[in-house]
Amino acid sequence: MTIALITGGTRGIGNYLVRGFLTAGHRVIFTATDASRASAHAAELATELGIEHGDRVHGEGVDVTDPKAIETLLSRVREVEAETGDDLGVLINNAGVIEAPEGPVWDVPPEQLERTITTNVLGPFYMIRAFAPYLLSKAEAHKPARIIDINSGSGSHGTPQYAAYSASKVALFRLADSVHHYGYDKGLRIFELAPGVIRSDMTTSMPVHDWRGDDDWTKPQDVIDLALGFVSGELDSFSGRFARAGHDTVESLKAMNLTEDYRRLRLTL
């Protein structure tokens, strides 16, 4: 059984991913900034899905902007591996925030800008800094080693109403470039997955989405299916590239004729 580590797993997209990976038979370790909330959510999931709390679902309180807390999380993952005999196979960098209010950057309080950039950029950087060497050691032992960043169309195309959020997602493309460059030949894969626009606390609070009706949101299962497809190994040639749930499917990605720059963020001069 493969272990999936998912940051920000109690709400929104992260919650859907946790449920999807559990349903697919994975063991899941997820994080939340509040340890009591993480533990309570794990217990709720275990009851709802009919699995034993602490068996296949583990909730951990972690601040992804704190490198020391992430090192503690790595130790906890090792403990779960030792207790279960399972291996960490995928890290999903999902935890993220968005600034408020919507509008020009000069109307956004500095603390909102800092929180958005710190969580959305330094969080994944710190997680990969801590976990990539461990995943590489597994790749060398011919075990799965994959990273999925939850990116956004705001990163690939931009959303002027949310400059800090858009900039933070652009940064993940550059992080993926580096991880792919140094990790691919050693067996480490990384994917940039945009979830489309799933109905969540965050998206429903954004005025830019006020026009959406019930049929204008991305289905959570579309995100789950792509994430599971990346983990399966069927799409390893897509490492370092961008996919969007609701537009792409596992089958459509497999059928693509990939050129060097296809689905990578590049500026054409």
C-alpha atoms as a PDB file:
ATOM      1  CA  MET A   1       0.000   0.000   0.000  1.00  0.00           C
ATOM      2  CA  THR A   2       1.359   3.412  -0.970  1.00  0.00           C
ATOM      3  CA  ILE A   3       1.317   6.311   1.465  1.00  0.00           C
ATOM      4  CA  ALA A   4       0.079   9.654   0.147  1.00  0.00           C
ATOM      5  CA  LEU A   5       1.097  12.769   2.083  1.00  0.00           C
ATOM      6  CA  ILE A   6      -1.325  15.653   1.467  1.00  0.00           C
ATOM      7  CA  THR A   7      -0.903  19.109   2.977  1.00  0.00           C
ATOM      8  CA  GLY A   8      -3.994  21.111   3.874  1.00  0.00           C
ATOM      9  CA  GLY A   9      -6.264  18.081   3.966  1.00  0.00           C
ATOM     10  CA  THR A  10      -9.247  19.137   6.056  1.00  0.00           C
ATOM     11  CA  ARG A  11     -11.064  21.464   3.671  1.00  0.00           C
ATOM     12  CA  GLY A  12     -11.707  22.146   0.007  1.00  0.00           C
ATOM     13  CA  ILE A  13      -9.554  20.414  -2.573  1.00  0.00           C
ATOM     14  CA  GLY A  14      -7.340  18.808   0.048  1.00  0.00           C
ATOM     15  CA  ASN A  15     -10.316  17.160   1.720  1.00  0.00           C
ATOM     16  CA  TYR A  16     -11.516  15.782  -1.613  1.00  0.00           C
ATOM     17  CA  LEU A  17      -8.043  14.429  -2.372  1.00  0.00           C
ATOM     18  CA  VAL A  18      -7.778  12.759   1.031  1.00  0.00           C
ATOM     19  CA  ARG A  19     -11.136  11.064   0.509  1.00  0.00           C
ATOM     20  CA  GLY A  20     -10.276  10.081  -3.052  1.00  0.00           C
ATOM     21  CA  PHE A  21      -6.956   8.503  -2.148  1.00  0.00           C
ATOM     22  CA  LEU A  22      -8.474   6.635   0.795  1.00  0.00           C
ATOM     23  CA  THR A  23     -11.260   5.312  -1.415  1.00  0.00           C
ATOM     24  CA  ALA A  24      -8.655   4.196  -3.973  1.00  0.00           C
ATOM     25  CA  GLY A  25      -6.941   2.106  -1.282  1.00  0.00           C
ATOM     26  CA  HIS A  26      -4.025   4.313  -0.291  1.00  0.00           C
ATOM     27  CA  ARG A  27      -2.873   5.075   3.208  1.00  0.00           C
ATOM     28  CA  VAL A  28      -3.127   8.841   3.729  1.00  0.00           C
ATOM     29  CA  ILE A  29      -1.285  11.218   6.014  1.00  0.00           C
ATOM     30  CA  PHE A  30      -2.716  14.718   5.797  1.00  0.00           C
ATOM     31  CA  THR A  31      -1.862  17.966   7.522  1.00  0.00           C
ATOM     32  CA  ALA A  32      -3.711  20.933   8.959  1.00  0.00           C
ATOM     33  CA  THR A  33      -2.294  23.909  10.802  1.00  0.00           C
ATOM     34  CA  ASP A  34      -4.315  22.938  13.881  1.00  0.00           C
ATOM     35  CA  ALA A  35      -3.461  19.518  15.337  1.00  0.00           C
ATOM     36  CA  SER A  36      -6.829  19.041  17.038  1.00  0.00           C
ATOM     37  CA  ARG A  37      -8.668  19.775  13.801  1.00  0.00           C
ATOM     38  CA  ALA A  38      -6.455  17.309  11.929  1.00  0.00           C
ATOM     39  CA  SER A  39      -7.072  14.572  14.484  1.00  0.00           C
ATOM     40  CA  ALA A  40     -10.820  15.196  14.584  1.00  0.00           C
ATOM     41  CA  HIS A  41     -11.070  15.151  10.795  1.00  0.00           C
ATOM     42  CA  ALA A  42      -9.153  11.867  10.612  1.00  0.00           C
ATOM     43  CA  ALA A  43     -11.585  10.329  13.093  1.00  0.00           C
ATOM     44  CA  GLU A  44     -14.572  11.617  11.112  1.00  0.00           C
ATOM     45  CA  LEU A  45     -13.188  10.198   7.870  1.00  0.00           C
ATOM     46  CA  ALA A  46     -12.481   6.835   9.466  1.00  0.00           C
ATOM     47  CA  THR A  47     -16.061   6.584  10.714  1.00  0.00           C
ATOM     48  CA  GLU A  48     -17.579   7.795   7.461  1.00  0.00           C
ATOM     49  CA  LEU A  49     -15.506   5.504   5.235  1.00  0.00           C
ATOM     50  CA  GLY A  50     -15.605   2.495   7.539  1.00  0.00           C
ATOM     51  CA  ILE A  51     -11.888   2.294   8.238  1.00  0.00           C
ATOM     52  CA  GLU A  52     -10.084   2.159  11.559  1.00  0.00           C
ATOM     53  CA  HIS A  53      -8.885   5.517  12.871  1.00  0.00           C
ATOM     54  CA  GLY A  54      -5.092   5.469  12.856  1.00  0.00           C
ATOM     55  CA  ASP A  55      -5.007   2.559  10.429  1.00  0.00           C
ATOM     56  CA  ARG A  56      -5.169   4.105   6.946  1.00  0.00           C
ATOM     57  CA  VAL A  57      -5.819   7.748   7.780  1.00  0.00           C
ATOM     58  CA  HIS A  58      -3.566   9.949   9.893  1.00  0.00           C
ATOM     59  CA  GLY A  59      -4.051  13.669  10.600  1.00  0.00           C
ATOM     60  CA  GLU A  60      -1.055  15.744  11.677  1.00  0.00           C
ATOM     61  CA  GLY A  61      -0.836  19.337  12.862  1.00  0.00           C
ATOM     62  CA  VAL A  62       1.828  21.061  10.761  1.00  0.00           C
ATOM     63  CA  ASP A  63       2.591  24.633   9.737  1.00  0.00           C
ATOM     64  CA  VAL A  64       4.053  24.217   6.249  1.00  0.00           C
ATOM     65  CA  THR A  65       5.861  27.545   6.580  1.00  0.00           C
ATOM     66  CA  ASP A  66       7.915  26.191   9.500  1.00  0.00           C
ATOM     67  CA  PRO A  67      10.917  24.081   8.387  1.00  0.00           C
ATOM     68  CA  LYS A  68      11.309  22.564  11.862  1.00  0.00           C
ATOM     69  CA  ALA A  69       7.681  21.442  11.887  1.00  0.00           C
ATOM     70  CA  ILE A  70       8.216  19.855   8.481  1.00  0.00           C
ATOM     71  CA  GLU A  71      11.241  17.930   9.756  1.00  0.00           C
ATOM     72  CA  THR A  72       9.037  16.629  12.570  1.00  0.00           C
ATOM     73  CA  LEU A  73       6.469  15.593   9.959  1.00  0.00           C
ATOM     74  CA  LEU A  74       9.144  13.685   8.049  1.00  0.00           C
ATOM     75  CA  SER A  75       9.997  11.807  11.243  1.00  0.00           C
ATOM     76  CA  ARG A  76       6.305  11.018  11.706  1.00  0.00           C
ATOM     77  CA  VAL A  77       6.058   9.680   8.147  1.00  0.00           C
ATOM     78  CA  ARG A  78       9.021   7.422   8.843  1.00  0.00           C
ATOM     79  CA  GLU A  79       7.256   6.167  11.968  1.00  0.00           C
ATOM     80  CA  VAL A  80       4.109   5.312  10.014  1.00  0.00           C
ATOM     81  CA  GLU A  81       6.219   3.493   7.428  1.00  0.00           C
ATOM     82  CA  ALA A  82       7.945   1.487  10.145  1.00  0.00           C
ATOM     83  CA  GLU A  83       4.643   0.653  11.840  1.00  0.00           C
ATOM     84  CA  THR A  84       2.837  -0.402   8.666  1.00  0.00           C
ATOM     85  CA  GLY A  85       5.493  -1.608   6.248  1.00  0.00           C
ATOM     86  CA  ASP A  86       4.149   0.805   3.630  1.00  0.00           C
ATOM     87  CA  ASP A  87       6.184   3.400   1.734  1.00  0.00           C
ATOM     88  CA  LEU A  88       5.626   7.072   1.052  1.00  0.00           C
ATOM     89  CA  GLY A  89       4.947   7.266  -2.675  1.00  0.00           C
ATOM     90  CA  VAL A  90       3.596  10.745  -3.274  1.00  0.00           C
ATOM     91  CA  LEU A  91       3.702  14.202  -1.730  1.00  0.00           C
ATOM     92  CA  ILE A  92       0.831  16.509  -2.681  1.00  0.00           C
ATOM     93  CA  ASN A  93       1.495  20.177  -1.953  1.00  0.00           C
ATOM     94  CA  ASN A  94      -2.057  21.408  -1.571  1.00  0.00           C
ATOM     95  CA  ALA A  95      -2.065  23.832   1.377  1.00  0.00           C
ATOM     96  CA  GLY A  96      -2.665  27.351   0.142  1.00  0.00           C
ATOM     97  CA  VAL A  97      -4.380  30.666   0.815  1.00  0.00           C
ATOM     98  CA  ILE A  98      -5.477  33.706  -1.177  1.00  0.00           C
ATOM     99  CA  GLU A  99      -5.279  37.379  -0.344  1.00  0.00           C
ATOM    100  CA  ALA A 100      -8.225  39.635   0.396  1.00  0.00           C
ATOM    101  CA  PRO A 101      -9.733  41.895  -0.697  1.00  0.00           C
ATOM    102  CA  GLU A 102      -9.965  41.255  -4.414  1.00  0.00           C
ATOM    103  CA  GLY A 103      -8.540  44.147  -6.396  1.00  0.00           C
ATOM    104  CA  PRO A 104      -5.315  46.069  -7.063  1.00  0.00           C
ATOM    105  CA  VAL A 105      -2.284  45.073  -5.038  1.00  0.00           C
ATOM    106  CA  TRP A 106      -2.106  48.520  -3.421  1.00  0.00           C
ATOM    107  CA  ASP A 107      -5.448  47.864  -1.733  1.00  0.00           C
ATOM    108  CA  VAL A 108      -4.269  44.621  -0.109  1.00  0.00           C
ATOM    109  CA  PRO A 109      -2.857  44.794   3.438  1.00  0.00           C
ATOM    110  CA  PRO A 110       0.843  43.857   3.643  1.00  0.00           C
ATOM    111  CA  GLU A 111       0.115  41.006   6.046  1.00  0.00           C
ATOM    112  CA  GLN A 112      -2.236  39.471   3.464  1.00  0.00           C
ATOM    113  CA  LEU A 113       0.438  39.643   0.778  1.00  0.00           C
ATOM    114  CA  GLU A 114       3.040  38.124   3.079  1.00  0.00           C
ATOM    115  CA  ARG A 115       0.723  35.328   4.214  1.00  0.00           C
ATOM    116  CA  THR A 116      -0.153  34.395   0.637  1.00  0.00           C
ATOM    117  CA  ILE A 117       3.416  34.329  -0.644  1.00  0.00           C
ATOM    118  CA  THR A 118       4.787  32.607   2.460  1.00  0.00           C
ATOM    119  CA  THR A 119       2.172  29.843   2.497  1.00  0.00           C
ATOM    120  CA  ASN A 120       1.891  29.247  -1.240  1.00  0.00           C
ATOM    121  CA  VAL A 121       5.568  29.580  -2.173  1.00  0.00           C
ATOM    122  CA  LEU A 122       7.740  28.856   0.844  1.00  0.00           C
ATOM    123  CA  GLY A 123       5.393  26.081   1.986  1.00  0.00           C
ATOM    124  CA  PRO A 124       5.960  23.887  -1.101  1.00  0.00           C
ATOM    125  CA  PHE A 125       9.644  24.870  -1.246  1.00  0.00           C
ATOM    126  CA  TYR A 126      10.161  23.791   2.365  1.00  0.00           C
ATOM    127  CA  MET A 127       8.160  20.583   1.888  1.00  0.00           C
ATOM    128  CA  ILE A 128      10.146  19.598  -1.187  1.00  0.00           C
ATOM    129  CA  ARG A 129      13.430  20.583   0.436  1.00  0.00           C
ATOM    130  CA  ALA A 130      12.670  18.172   3.288  1.00  0.00           C
ATOM    131  CA  PHE A 131      10.980  15.336   1.409  1.00  0.00           C
ATOM    132  CA  ALA A 132      12.663  15.227  -2.018  1.00  0.00           C
ATOM    133  CA  PRO A 133      15.871  13.585  -0.713  1.00  0.00           C
ATOM    134  CA  TYR A 134      13.762  10.949   1.025  1.00  0.00           C
ATOM    135  CA  LEU A 135      11.675  10.334  -2.089  1.00  0.00           C
ATOM    136  CA  LEU A 136      14.846  10.142  -4.180  1.00  0.00           C
ATOM    137  CA  SER A 137      16.184   7.435  -1.893  1.00  0.00           C
ATOM    138  CA  LYS A 138      13.027   5.446  -2.597  1.00  0.00           C
ATOM    139  CA  ALA A 139      13.330   6.059  -6.344  1.00  0.00           C
ATOM    140  CA  GLU A 140      16.833   4.633  -6.222  1.00  0.00           C
ATOM    141  CA  ALA A 141      15.309   1.530  -4.644  1.00  0.00           C
ATOM    142  CA  HIS A 142      12.853   1.357  -7.585  1.00  0.00           C
ATOM    143  CA  LYS A 143       9.880   2.534  -5.530  1.00  0.00           C
ATOM    144  CA  PRO A 144       7.380   5.204  -6.645  1.00  0.00           C
ATOM    145  CA  ALA A 145       8.526   8.769  -6.011  1.00  0.00           C
ATOM    146  CA  ARG A 146       6.201  11.520  -7.135  1.00  0.00           C
ATOM    147  CA  ILE A 147       5.247  15.061  -6.177  1.00  0.00           C
ATOM    148  CA  ILE A 148       2.069  16.872  -7.178  1.00  0.00           C
ATOM    149  CA  ASP A 149       1.774  20.632  -6.724  1.00  0.00           C
ATOM    150  CA  ILE A 150      -1.750  21.995  -6.690  1.00  0.00           C
ATOM    151  CA  ASN A 151      -1.268  24.865  -9.097  1.00  0.00           C
ATOM    152  CA  SER A 152      -3.872  27.087 -10.749  1.00  0.00           C
ATOM    153  CA  GLY A 153      -4.989  28.723 -13.943  1.00  0.00           C
ATOM    154  CA  SER A 154      -3.999  31.886 -12.091  1.00  0.00           C
ATOM    155  CA  GLY A 155      -0.434  30.651 -12.438  1.00  0.00           C
ATOM    156  CA  SER A 156      -0.606  29.654 -16.090  1.00  0.00           C
ATOM    157  CA  HIS A 157      -2.724  32.561 -17.346  1.00  0.00           C
ATOM    158  CA  GLY A 158      -2.979  35.034 -14.481  1.00  0.00           C
ATOM    159  CA  THR A 159      -5.850  36.504 -12.501  1.00  0.00           C
ATOM    160  CA  PRO A 160      -5.363  40.293 -12.250  1.00  0.00           C
ATOM    161  CA  GLN A 161      -7.750  40.529  -9.301  1.00  0.00           C
ATOM    162  CA  TYR A 162      -5.385  38.380  -7.202  1.00  0.00           C
ATOM    163  CA  ALA A 163      -1.814  39.411  -7.956  1.00  0.00           C
ATOM    164  CA  ALA A 164      -0.138  37.724  -4.981  1.00  0.00           C
ATOM    165  CA  TYR A 165      -1.980  34.436  -5.473  1.00  0.00           C
ATOM    166  CA  SER A 166      -1.201  34.437  -9.200  1.00  0.00           C
ATOM    167  CA  ALA A 167       2.473  35.199  -8.556  1.00  0.00           C
ATOM    168  CA  SER A 168       2.666  32.436  -5.967  1.00  0.00           C
ATOM    169  CA  LYS A 169       1.389  29.875  -8.454  1.00  0.00           C
ATOM    170  CA  VAL A 170       3.828  31.040 -11.138  1.00  0.00           C
ATOM    171  CA  ALA A 171       6.601  30.310  -8.637  1.00  0.00           C
ATOM    172  CA  LEU A 172       5.546  26.662  -8.505  1.00  0.00           C
ATOM    173  CA  PHE A 173       6.302  26.289 -12.209  1.00  0.00           C
ATOM    174  CA  ARG A 174       9.899  27.325 -11.546  1.00  0.00           C
ATOM    175  CA  LEU A 175      10.115  24.978  -8.574  1.00  0.00           C
ATOM    176  CA  ALA A 176       8.859  22.147 -10.780  1.00  0.00           C
ATOM    177  CA  ASP A 177      11.443  23.014 -13.449  1.00  0.00           C
ATOM    178  CA  SER A 178      14.222  22.555 -10.911  1.00  0.00           C
ATOM    179  CA  VAL A 179      12.834  19.377  -9.366  1.00  0.00           C
ATOM    180  CA  HIS A 180      12.312  17.850 -12.808  1.00  0.00           C
ATOM    181  CA  HIS A 181      15.805  18.915 -13.936  1.00  0.00           C
ATOM    182  CA  TYR A 182      17.584  17.374 -10.965  1.00  0.00           C
ATOM    183  CA  GLY A 183      15.208  14.539 -10.149  1.00  0.00           C
ATOM    184  CA  TYR A 184      13.786  13.004 -13.307  1.00  0.00           C
ATOM    185  CA  ASP A 185      16.787  10.901 -14.307  1.00  0.00           C
ATOM    186  CA  LYS A 186      16.964   9.640 -10.721  1.00  0.00           C
ATOM    187  CA  GLY A 187      13.322   8.549 -10.702  1.00  0.00           C
ATOM    188  CA  LEU A 188      11.578  11.527  -9.087  1.00  0.00           C
ATOM    189  CA  ARG A 189       8.565  12.961 -10.931  1.00  0.00           C
ATOM    190  CA  ILE A 190       6.719  16.236 -10.331  1.00  0.00           C
ATOM    191  CA  PHE A 191       3.426  17.427 -11.795  1.00  0.00           C
ATOM    192  CA  GLU A 192       1.624  20.777 -11.763  1.00  0.00           C
ATOM    193  CA  LEU A 193      -2.090  20.104 -11.349  1.00  0.00           C
ATOM    194  CA  ALA A 194      -4.652  22.895 -11.660  1.00  0.00           C
ATOM    195  CA  PRO A 195      -7.931  21.804 -10.083  1.00  0.00           C
ATOM    196  CA  GLY A 196     -10.072  24.091 -12.184  1.00  0.00           C
ATOM    197  CA  VAL A 197     -12.551  25.904  -9.952  1.00  0.00           C
ATOM    198  CA  ILE A 198     -14.018  23.605  -7.316  1.00  0.00           C
ATOM    199  CA  ARG A 199     -16.738  24.965  -5.086  1.00  0.00           C
ATOM    200  CA  SER A 200     -15.072  25.541  -1.701  1.00  0.00           C
ATOM    201  CA  ASP A 201     -14.923  28.036   1.146  1.00  0.00           C
ATOM    202  CA  MET A 202     -12.118  29.834  -0.658  1.00  0.00           C
ATOM    203  CA  THR A 203     -13.617  30.000  -4.147  1.00  0.00           C
ATOM    204  CA  THR A 204     -17.107  30.963  -2.988  1.00  0.00           C
ATOM    205  CA  SER A 205     -15.590  33.873  -1.042  1.00  0.00           C
ATOM    206  CA  MET A 206     -14.018  35.277  -4.231  1.00  0.00           C
ATOM    207  CA  PRO A 207     -16.165  37.907  -6.022  1.00  0.00           C
ATOM    208  CA  VAL A 208     -14.536  36.924  -9.333  1.00  0.00           C
ATOM    209  CA  HIS A 209     -16.588  33.696  -9.173  1.00  0.00           C
ATOM    210  CA  ASP A 210     -19.933  35.273  -8.273  1.00  0.00           C
ATOM    211  CA  TRP A 211     -21.253  34.623 -11.792  1.00  0.00           C
ATOM    212  CA  ARG A 212     -20.960  30.834 -11.488  1.00  0.00           C
ATOM    213  CA  GLY A 213     -24.081  28.703 -11.366  1.00  0.00           C
ATOM    214  CA  ASP A 214     -24.374  25.133 -10.127  1.00  0.00           C
ATOM    215  CA  ASP A 215     -23.017  23.717 -13.401  1.00  0.00           C
ATOM    216  CA  ASP A 216     -20.045  26.078 -13.668  1.00  0.00           C
ATOM    217  CA  TRP A 217     -17.766  24.433 -11.100  1.00  0.00           C
ATOM    218  CA  THR A 218     -15.175  21.725 -11.674  1.00  0.00           C
ATOM    219  CA  LYS A 219     -16.162  18.305 -10.381  1.00  0.00           C
ATOM    220  CA  PRO A 220     -13.951  17.145  -7.475  1.00  0.00           C
ATOM    221  CA  GLN A 221     -13.729  13.684  -9.028  1.00  0.00           C
ATOM    222  CA  ASP A 222     -11.973  15.171 -12.061  1.00  0.00           C
ATOM    223  CA  VAL A 223      -9.180  16.390  -9.787  1.00  0.00           C
ATOM    224  CA  ILE A 224      -9.000  13.083  -7.940  1.00  0.00           C
ATOM    225  CA  ASP A 225      -8.816  11.107 -11.194  1.00  0.00           C
ATOM    226  CA  LEU A 226      -5.904  13.167 -12.533  1.00  0.00           C
ATOM    227  CA  ALA A 227      -4.015  12.980  -9.238  1.00  0.00           C
ATOM    228  CA  LEU A 228      -4.448   9.208  -9.090  1.00  0.00           C
ATOM    229  CA  GLY A 229      -3.365   9.013 -12.731  1.00  0.00           C
ATOM    230  CA  PHE A 230      -0.130  10.829 -11.923  1.00  0.00           C
ATOM    231  CA  VAL A 231       0.511   8.505  -8.988  1.00  0.00           C
ATOM    232  CA  SER A 232      -0.171   5.383 -11.067  1.00  0.00           C
ATOM    233  CA  GLY A 233       2.920   5.926 -13.211  1.00  0.00           C
ATOM    234  CA  GLU A 234       0.924   6.053 -16.437  1.00  0.00           C
ATOM    235  CA  LEU A 235       1.789   9.718 -16.915  1.00  0.00           C
ATOM    236  CA  ASP A 236       5.429   9.877 -15.845  1.00  0.00           C
ATOM    237  CA  SER A 237       6.364  11.397 -19.213  1.00  0.00           C
ATOM    238  CA  PHE A 238       4.258  14.395 -18.164  1.00  0.00           C
ATOM    239  CA  SER A 239       6.655  15.217 -15.319  1.00  0.00           C
ATOM    240  CA  GLY A 240       7.407  18.924 -15.058  1.00  0.00           C
ATOM    241  CA  ARG A 241       4.253  19.865 -16.940  1.00  0.00           C
ATOM    242  CA  PHE A 242       0.854  21.420 -16.259  1.00  0.00           C
ATOM    243  CA  ALA A 243      -2.559  19.753 -16.433  1.00  0.00           C
ATOM    244  CA  ARG A 244      -6.009  21.115 -15.659  1.00  0.00           C
ATOM    245  CA  ALA A 245      -8.860  19.102 -14.187  1.00  0.00           C
ATOM    246  CA  GLY A 246     -12.101  19.538 -16.071  1.00  0.00           C
ATOM    247  CA  HIS A 247     -10.165  20.022 -19.299  1.00  0.00           C
ATOM    248  CA  ASP A 248      -7.629  17.192 -19.270  1.00  0.00           C
ATOM    249  CA  THR A 249      -8.157  13.518 -18.484  1.00  0.00           C
ATOM    250  CA  VAL A 250      -5.728  10.682 -17.938  1.00  0.00           C
ATOM    251  CA  GLU A 251      -6.525   9.351 -21.406  1.00  0.00           C
ATOM    252  CA  SER A 252      -6.149  12.723 -23.139  1.00  0.00           C
ATOM    253  CA  LEU A 253      -2.787  13.321 -21.460  1.00  0.00           C
ATOM    254  CA  LYS A 254      -1.550   9.864 -22.457  1.00  0.00           C
ATOM    255  CA  ALA A 255      -2.474  10.593 -26.077  1.00  0.00           C
ATOM    256  CA  MET A 256      -0.563  13.884 -26.271  1.00  0.00           C
ATOM    257  CA  ASN A 257       2.483  14.259 -28.488  1.00  0.00           C
ATOM    258  CA  LEU A 258       4.782  16.022 -26.033  1.00  0.00           C
ATOM    259  CA  THR A 259       7.331  18.535 -27.271  1.00  0.00           C
ATOM    260  CA  GLU A 260      10.034  19.979 -25.030  1.00  0.00           C
ATOM    261  CA  ASP A 261       8.132  23.104 -23.980  1.00  0.00           C
ATOM    262  CA  TYR A 262       4.583  21.774 -24.183  1.00  0.00           C
ATOM    263  CA  ARG A 263       2.617  22.497 -20.990  1.00  0.00           C
ATOM    264  CA  ARG A 264       5.605  24.231 -19.405  1.00  0.00           C
ATOM    265  CA  LEU A 265       5.519  27.935 -18.548  1.00  0.00           C
ATOM    266  CA  ARG A 266       7.741  29.736 -21.060  1.00  0.00           C
ATOM    267  CA  LEU A 267       7.993  33.301 -22.358  1.00  0.00           C
ATOM    268  CA  THR A 268       8.283  33.427 -26.137  1.00  0.00           C
ATOM    269  CA  LEU A 269      10.386  36.344 -27.397  1.00  0.00           C
END
